[in-house]
Amino acid sequence: MPITELAALEFISPHSLGHPPVAELFRTLGVQQAAWSGYPVLHFTNADPSRSAEFYIVSGWEDEEAHNKWLTAEENQEPWLRLEGF
């Protein structure tokens, strides 16, 4: 049964999605995740300027097992290691 993923993240100041290395990493991860899952990956930021560090990812998965396989896949793990400290 298809499921929806909603991930809520918060960047550590002064970093944001506008920081070029961060933006490129999320673009790459989005393309890889969409290829893996077969569902589009959407990114959103909070429209409230006082909460601009908040970032959301929305996507779909065929089932929980498919999502869990992605979570542990090297294609997903390696980019997150580069985001430590952001």
Protein backbone atom coordinates (compact mmCIF):
# COMPACT_ATOMS: atom_id res chain seq x y z
CA MET A 1 0.00 0.00 0.00
CA PRO A 2 1.54 3.36 -1.00
CA ILE A 3 2.61 5.66 1.82
CA THR A 4 3.47 9.35 2.08
CA GLU A 5 6.74 10.57 3.56
CA LEU A 6 6.85 13.92 5.35
CA ALA A 7 10.26 14.82 6.76
CA ALA A 8 10.70 18.02 8.78
CA LEU A 9 14.24 19.35 9.13
CA GLU A 10 15.73 22.45 10.70
CA PHE A 11 19.00 23.94 9.54
CA ILE A 12 21.59 25.11 12.08
CA SER A 13 22.15 28.87 11.82
CA PRO A 14 23.61 30.46 9.71
CA HIS A 15 22.98 27.69 7.15
CA SER A 16 19.86 27.45 5.01
CA LEU A 17 18.57 25.82 1.87
CA GLY A 18 19.93 28.90 0.07
CA HIS A 19 23.51 27.87 0.97
CA PRO A 20 24.83 26.53 -2.40
CA PRO A 21 26.38 23.26 -1.14
CA VAL A 22 23.20 22.46 0.82
CA ALA A 23 20.90 23.30 -2.09
CA GLU A 24 22.94 21.13 -4.49
CA LEU A 25 22.95 18.21 -2.05
CA PHE A 26 19.16 18.32 -1.67
CA ARG A 27 18.71 18.58 -5.44
CA THR A 28 20.88 15.49 -5.88
CA LEU A 29 19.16 13.59 -3.08
CA GLY A 30 15.75 14.47 -4.52
CA VAL A 31 16.66 13.13 -7.96
CA GLN A 32 18.14 9.95 -6.48
CA GLN A 33 15.18 9.37 -4.16
CA ALA A 34 12.66 9.92 -6.97
CA ALA A 35 14.53 7.42 -9.17
CA TRP A 36 14.61 4.92 -6.30
CA SER A 37 10.96 5.33 -5.23
CA GLY A 38 9.22 6.17 -8.49
CA TYR A 39 7.49 9.14 -6.82
CA PRO A 40 8.27 12.86 -7.10
CA VAL A 41 10.15 14.49 -4.22
CA LEU A 42 8.96 17.96 -3.20
CA HIS A 43 10.88 20.44 -1.03
CA PHE A 44 9.24 23.25 0.93
CA THR A 45 10.46 25.96 3.27
CA ASN A 46 8.42 27.75 5.92
CA ALA A 47 6.94 30.99 4.56
CA ASP A 48 7.25 32.64 7.99
CA PRO A 49 10.61 34.54 7.92
CA SER A 50 11.11 33.89 11.64
CA ARG A 51 11.04 30.14 10.90
CA SER A 52 13.10 30.15 7.69
CA ALA A 53 15.42 27.43 9.04
CA GLU A 54 12.58 24.90 8.72
CA PHE A 55 12.59 22.69 5.64
CA TYR A 56 10.18 19.94 4.58
CA ILE A 57 10.45 16.97 2.21
CA VAL A 58 7.28 15.31 0.90
CA SER A 59 7.31 12.17 -1.23
CA GLY A 60 5.73 8.78 -1.70
CA TRP A 61 6.79 5.17 -1.43
CA GLU A 62 5.26 1.90 -2.59
CA ASP A 63 5.28 0.69 1.02
CA GLU A 64 7.17 1.01 4.31
CA GLU A 65 9.67 -1.68 3.32
CA ALA A 66 10.69 0.25 0.19
CA HIS A 67 11.19 3.40 2.28
CA ASN A 68 13.26 1.54 4.87
CA LYS A 69 15.51 0.11 2.14
CA TRP A 70 16.15 3.66 0.89
CA LEU A 71 16.93 4.92 4.37
CA THR A 72 19.80 2.42 4.70
CA ALA A 73 20.98 2.58 1.06
CA GLU A 74 24.47 3.98 0.45
CA GLU A 75 23.04 6.42 -2.13
CA ASN A 76 21.02 8.00 0.69
CA GLN A 77 23.50 7.68 3.57
CA GLU A 78 26.58 9.23 1.96
CA PRO A 79 25.08 12.68 1.18
CA TRP A 80 23.66 13.01 4.71
CA LEU A 81 27.15 12.58 6.14
CA ARG A 82 28.22 15.68 4.17
CA LEU A 83 25.36 17.65 5.76
CA GLU A 84 26.58 17.20 9.35
CA GLY A 85 26.89 20.61 10.94
CA PHE A 86 24.30 22.23 8.69
